[in-house]
Protein backbone atom coordinates (compact mmCIF):
# COMPACT_ATOMS: atom_id res chain seq x y z
CA MET A 1 -19.73 -0.03 -32.65
CA SER A 2 -21.18 -3.55 -32.59
CA TYR A 3 -19.86 -6.52 -30.65
CA PHE A 4 -20.37 -10.23 -31.08
CA SER A 5 -20.10 -13.29 -28.88
CA TYR A 6 -18.77 -16.67 -30.00
CA LYS A 7 -19.87 -19.66 -27.96
CA PHE A 8 -18.19 -23.07 -27.76
CA ASN A 9 -19.66 -26.20 -26.26
CA THR A 10 -17.15 -28.53 -24.61
CA ASP A 11 -17.48 -31.75 -22.65
CA TYR A 12 -17.17 -29.60 -19.52
CA GLY A 13 -19.64 -26.86 -20.39
CA MET A 14 -19.98 -23.72 -22.52
CA PHE A 15 -17.20 -21.23 -23.18
CA ASN A 16 -17.65 -17.73 -24.61
CA PHE A 17 -15.44 -15.34 -26.60
CA ARG A 18 -16.41 -11.69 -26.89
CA SER A 19 -15.29 -9.62 -29.84
CA GLY A 20 -14.37 -6.56 -27.80
CA ASN A 21 -15.61 -3.61 -25.76
CA THR A 22 -15.47 0.17 -25.83
CA LYS A 23 -11.82 0.18 -24.71
CA LEU A 24 -10.47 -2.87 -26.55
CA GLY A 25 -12.26 -2.17 -29.82
CA GLU A 26 -14.41 -4.35 -32.03
CA THR A 27 -11.62 -6.32 -33.68
CA ILE A 28 -9.92 -7.51 -30.51
CA ASN A 29 -11.33 -10.72 -29.08
CA GLY A 30 -11.55 -11.05 -25.31
CA VAL A 31 -11.67 -13.93 -22.85
CA ASN A 32 -13.25 -13.33 -19.46
CA ILE A 33 -13.89 -15.20 -16.21
CA ARG A 34 -15.24 -13.99 -12.86
CA PRO A 35 -13.39 -10.99 -11.40
CA GLY A 36 -12.31 -11.36 -7.80
CA PHE A 37 -13.48 -14.95 -7.54
CA ASP A 38 -11.07 -16.28 -10.19
CA CYS A 39 -8.13 -13.98 -9.59
CA LYS A 40 -4.81 -14.42 -7.84
CA ASN A 41 -3.27 -11.91 -5.44
CA CYS A 42 -6.10 -9.44 -5.99
CA GLN A 43 -6.44 -8.22 -2.41
CA TYR A 44 -4.69 -4.98 -3.39
CA CYS A 45 -6.90 -4.19 -6.40
CA PHE A 46 -10.26 -5.74 -5.49
CA GLN A 47 -11.92 -2.51 -4.36
CA ASP A 48 -10.92 -0.65 -7.55
CA CYS A 49 -11.63 -3.49 -10.02
CA TYR A 50 -13.43 -2.15 -13.10
CA ALA A 51 -14.42 -5.67 -14.18
CA ARG A 52 -16.45 -6.13 -10.98
CA VAL A 53 -18.68 -3.25 -12.10
CA SER A 54 -19.54 -4.95 -15.40
CA TYR A 55 -20.01 -8.26 -13.61
CA ALA A 56 -22.41 -6.72 -11.10
CA TYR A 57 -24.50 -4.52 -13.41
CA TYR A 58 -24.87 -6.50 -16.65
CA PRO A 59 -26.77 -9.81 -16.31
CA GLU A 60 -25.59 -11.18 -19.68
CA VAL A 61 -21.98 -10.44 -18.79
CA LYS A 62 -22.36 -12.15 -15.42
CA THR A 63 -23.93 -15.22 -17.03
CA ASN A 64 -21.21 -15.53 -19.68
CA TRP A 65 -18.36 -15.05 -17.21
CA ASN A 66 -19.91 -17.53 -14.79
CA ASN A 67 -20.19 -20.09 -17.59
CA ASN A 68 -16.60 -19.47 -18.63
CA SER A 69 -15.36 -19.88 -15.07
CA GLN A 70 -17.32 -23.04 -14.46
CA THR A 71 -16.08 -24.57 -17.72
CA LEU A 72 -12.43 -23.57 -17.29
CA ARG A 73 -12.32 -24.76 -13.71
CA ALA A 74 -13.75 -28.12 -14.73
CA ILE A 75 -11.20 -28.39 -17.54
CA ASP A 76 -8.42 -27.46 -15.15
CA ARG A 77 -9.47 -30.02 -12.57
CA ALA A 78 -9.46 -32.70 -15.27
CA ASN A 79 -6.18 -31.34 -16.72
CA ASN A 80 -7.72 -31.72 -20.17
CA TRP A 81 -7.05 -28.36 -21.80
CA GLU A 82 -7.16 -29.88 -25.29
CA VAL A 83 -10.95 -29.71 -25.17
CA LEU A 84 -10.49 -25.93 -25.13
CA THR A 85 -7.42 -25.42 -27.29
CA GLU A 86 -8.72 -27.47 -30.22
CA PRO A 87 -11.96 -25.53 -30.84
CA VAL A 88 -10.29 -22.20 -30.07
CA ASN A 89 -7.54 -22.93 -32.60
CA LYS A 90 -10.16 -23.81 -35.23
CA PHE A 91 -12.02 -20.61 -34.48
CA LEU A 92 -8.88 -18.46 -34.72
CA LYS A 93 -7.75 -20.05 -37.95
CA ARG A 94 -11.18 -19.29 -39.41
CA LYS A 95 -11.56 -15.72 -38.08
CA LYS A 96 -7.87 -14.78 -38.25
CA PRO A 97 -8.00 -11.90 -35.72
CA LEU A 98 -4.90 -9.75 -35.49
CA TYR A 99 -5.21 -9.36 -31.72
CA LEU A 100 -6.56 -11.42 -28.85
CA ARG A 101 -6.41 -10.55 -25.20
CA TYR A 102 -6.65 -13.37 -22.70
CA LEU A 103 -8.54 -12.75 -19.46
CA VAL A 104 -9.82 -9.21 -19.67
CA SER A 105 -11.40 -10.23 -16.38
CA GLY A 106 -10.08 -12.87 -14.00
CA ASP A 107 -6.69 -14.55 -14.09
CA LEU A 108 -4.89 -17.76 -14.91
CA LEU A 109 -6.09 -20.78 -12.97
CA SER A 110 -2.92 -22.88 -13.03
CA GLN A 111 0.39 -23.61 -14.73
CA GLN A 112 -1.42 -25.89 -17.16
CA ASN A 113 -3.78 -23.05 -18.02
CA LEU A 114 -0.79 -20.90 -18.94
CA PHE A 115 0.67 -23.71 -21.05
CA ALA A 116 -2.67 -24.05 -22.90
CA TYR A 117 -2.71 -20.33 -23.76
CA MET A 118 0.90 -20.55 -24.86
CA GLN A 119 0.00 -23.46 -27.15
CA ILE A 120 -2.82 -21.44 -28.71
CA ALA A 121 -0.41 -18.58 -29.40
CA LEU A 122 2.13 -20.93 -30.97
CA SER A 123 -0.58 -22.40 -33.20
CA ASN A 124 -1.68 -18.96 -34.43
CA PRO A 125 1.48 -17.00 -35.22
CA LYS A 126 -0.36 -14.26 -37.14
CA THR A 127 -2.43 -13.28 -34.10
CA ASN A 128 -0.86 -11.12 -31.39
CA PHE A 129 -1.82 -12.29 -27.90
CA LEU A 130 -1.83 -10.28 -24.67
CA LEU A 131 -2.12 -11.43 -21.06
CA PHE A 132 -1.97 -9.49 -17.79
CA THR A 133 -1.58 -11.62 -14.68
CA LYS A 134 -1.11 -11.39 -10.93
CA TYR A 135 -0.36 -15.08 -10.58
CA TYR A 136 3.21 -14.38 -9.52
CA GLU A 137 3.85 -17.95 -8.38
CA LEU A 138 3.77 -19.50 -11.87
CA ASP A 139 6.77 -20.39 -14.02
CA PHE A 140 6.93 -17.96 -16.96
CA SER A 141 10.39 -18.94 -18.19
CA LEU A 142 9.17 -20.24 -21.58
CA VAL A 143 7.04 -17.21 -22.45
CA LYS A 144 10.04 -15.39 -23.92
CA PHE A 145 10.25 -17.93 -26.75
CA ILE A 146 6.75 -17.11 -28.05
CA LYS A 147 7.12 -13.98 -30.14
CA ASN A 148 3.40 -13.27 -30.54
CA LEU A 149 2.50 -13.59 -26.83
CA ASN A 150 3.12 -10.66 -24.51
CA VAL A 151 2.66 -11.38 -20.79
CA LEU A 152 2.80 -8.53 -18.30
CA ILE A 153 2.84 -8.75 -14.52
CA SER A 154 0.11 -6.54 -13.04
CA VAL A 155 1.15 -4.61 -9.95
CA PHE A 156 -0.89 -2.24 -7.78
CA PRO A 157 0.69 0.41 -5.52
CA LEU A 158 0.18 -1.69 -2.37
CA THR A 159 1.50 -4.93 -3.89
CA PRO A 160 4.64 -5.81 -1.90
CA ILE A 161 7.81 -5.80 -3.97
CA GLU A 162 8.80 -9.20 -2.63
CA ASP A 163 5.67 -10.70 -4.25
CA PHE A 164 6.85 -9.96 -7.80
CA SER A 165 10.55 -9.03 -7.59
CA HIS A 166 11.64 -12.48 -8.81
CA LEU A 167 9.88 -11.80 -12.12
CA VAL A 168 11.22 -8.36 -13.04
CA ASP A 169 14.03 -9.81 -15.14
CA ARG A 170 11.68 -12.17 -16.99
CA LEU A 171 8.52 -10.19 -17.67
CA PRO A 172 7.57 -6.53 -18.06
CA ILE A 173 5.51 -4.91 -15.32
CA ALA A 174 2.19 -3.10 -15.69
CA PHE A 175 2.02 -0.36 -13.06
CA ILE A 176 -0.79 1.92 -11.92
CA ASN A 177 0.02 5.57 -12.51
CA GLY A 178 1.16 7.22 -9.31
CA ASP A 179 2.99 4.18 -7.95
CA LYS A 180 6.13 5.63 -6.36
CA ARG A 181 8.15 2.60 -7.46
CA ILE A 182 7.77 3.39 -11.16
CA LYS A 183 10.93 5.52 -11.21
CA TYR A 184 12.93 2.72 -9.61
CA PHE A 185 11.81 0.06 -12.08
CA ILE A 186 11.39 2.13 -15.26
CA GLY A 187 13.68 5.15 -14.90
CA ASN A 188 13.37 8.90 -15.18
CA ASN A 189 11.25 9.07 -18.37
CA PRO A 190 8.24 6.81 -17.84
CA GLU A 191 5.86 8.97 -19.90
CA LYS A 192 6.33 6.93 -23.08
CA TYR A 193 4.94 3.88 -21.34
CA VAL A 194 1.69 5.51 -20.16
CA CYS A 195 -1.47 4.06 -21.70
CA GLY A 196 -3.51 6.51 -23.75
CA GLY A 197 -6.76 4.91 -22.62
CA SER A 198 -7.89 3.03 -25.73
CA CYS A 199 -6.64 -0.04 -27.59
CA ILE A 200 -8.59 0.97 -30.70
CA THR A 201 -5.82 3.24 -32.01
CA CYS A 202 -2.89 1.80 -30.02
CA LYS A 203 -1.66 -1.78 -30.07
CA LYS A 204 1.66 -1.29 -28.26
CA CYS A 205 0.79 -3.74 -25.49
CA TYR A 206 0.41 -6.42 -28.15
CA THR A 207 3.29 -5.59 -30.45
CA GLU A 208 6.01 -4.13 -28.20
CA LYS A 209 6.86 -7.25 -26.25
CA GLY A 210 8.88 -6.81 -23.09
CA GLN A 211 8.05 -3.13 -22.58
CA PRO A 212 6.56 -1.96 -19.25
CA ARG A 213 3.22 -0.18 -19.17
CA ILE A 214 1.63 2.41 -16.91
CA PHE A 215 -2.16 2.60 -16.63
CA ASN A 216 -4.40 5.16 -15.05
CA LEU A 217 -6.80 3.61 -12.56
CA HIS A 218 -9.90 2.63 -14.51
């Protein structure tokens, strides 16, 4: 399987899209920034972070993710997300991907970052967007009105319930398999929500909005 990178130059630096990986599949575009450094509330998952392995062992990956982080942070400081949304929208309208996952590595930087990704989804209704986040402090109240954007709250077994409990009625939760709280939040038959391990043949996270997910540690 071959993968491709798409690079954008902005007034704040270079930004890179990757067409996929061995789990996501070739047709699913990914957006990545630095794991651990550009994450929120990651103290409970940092040691088990799969993205940190790629970041540490693959020089090209590290360079691209560093560039993305530097560019996005500069955009966020200037609160000028249009310099990103405009070229990304042009790219998506040209490539017309069916699926795009935001932030395979890293997390949202701010409320305005979330709004920018929401705007991109609204501008590309034929693409299904997916975002996992641990930025529990943001306002996600408008996400429900965007049919092609599925946002899930990522939770690790040691994440305190009080950190994310205010969001359980607004967004679905992505649990790690073995978390004893799964039965409380999902019920007695959680098996149907367990990830099979590959997005190549399954797109439920993209298309079944509002449904919880359970992932094996990877």
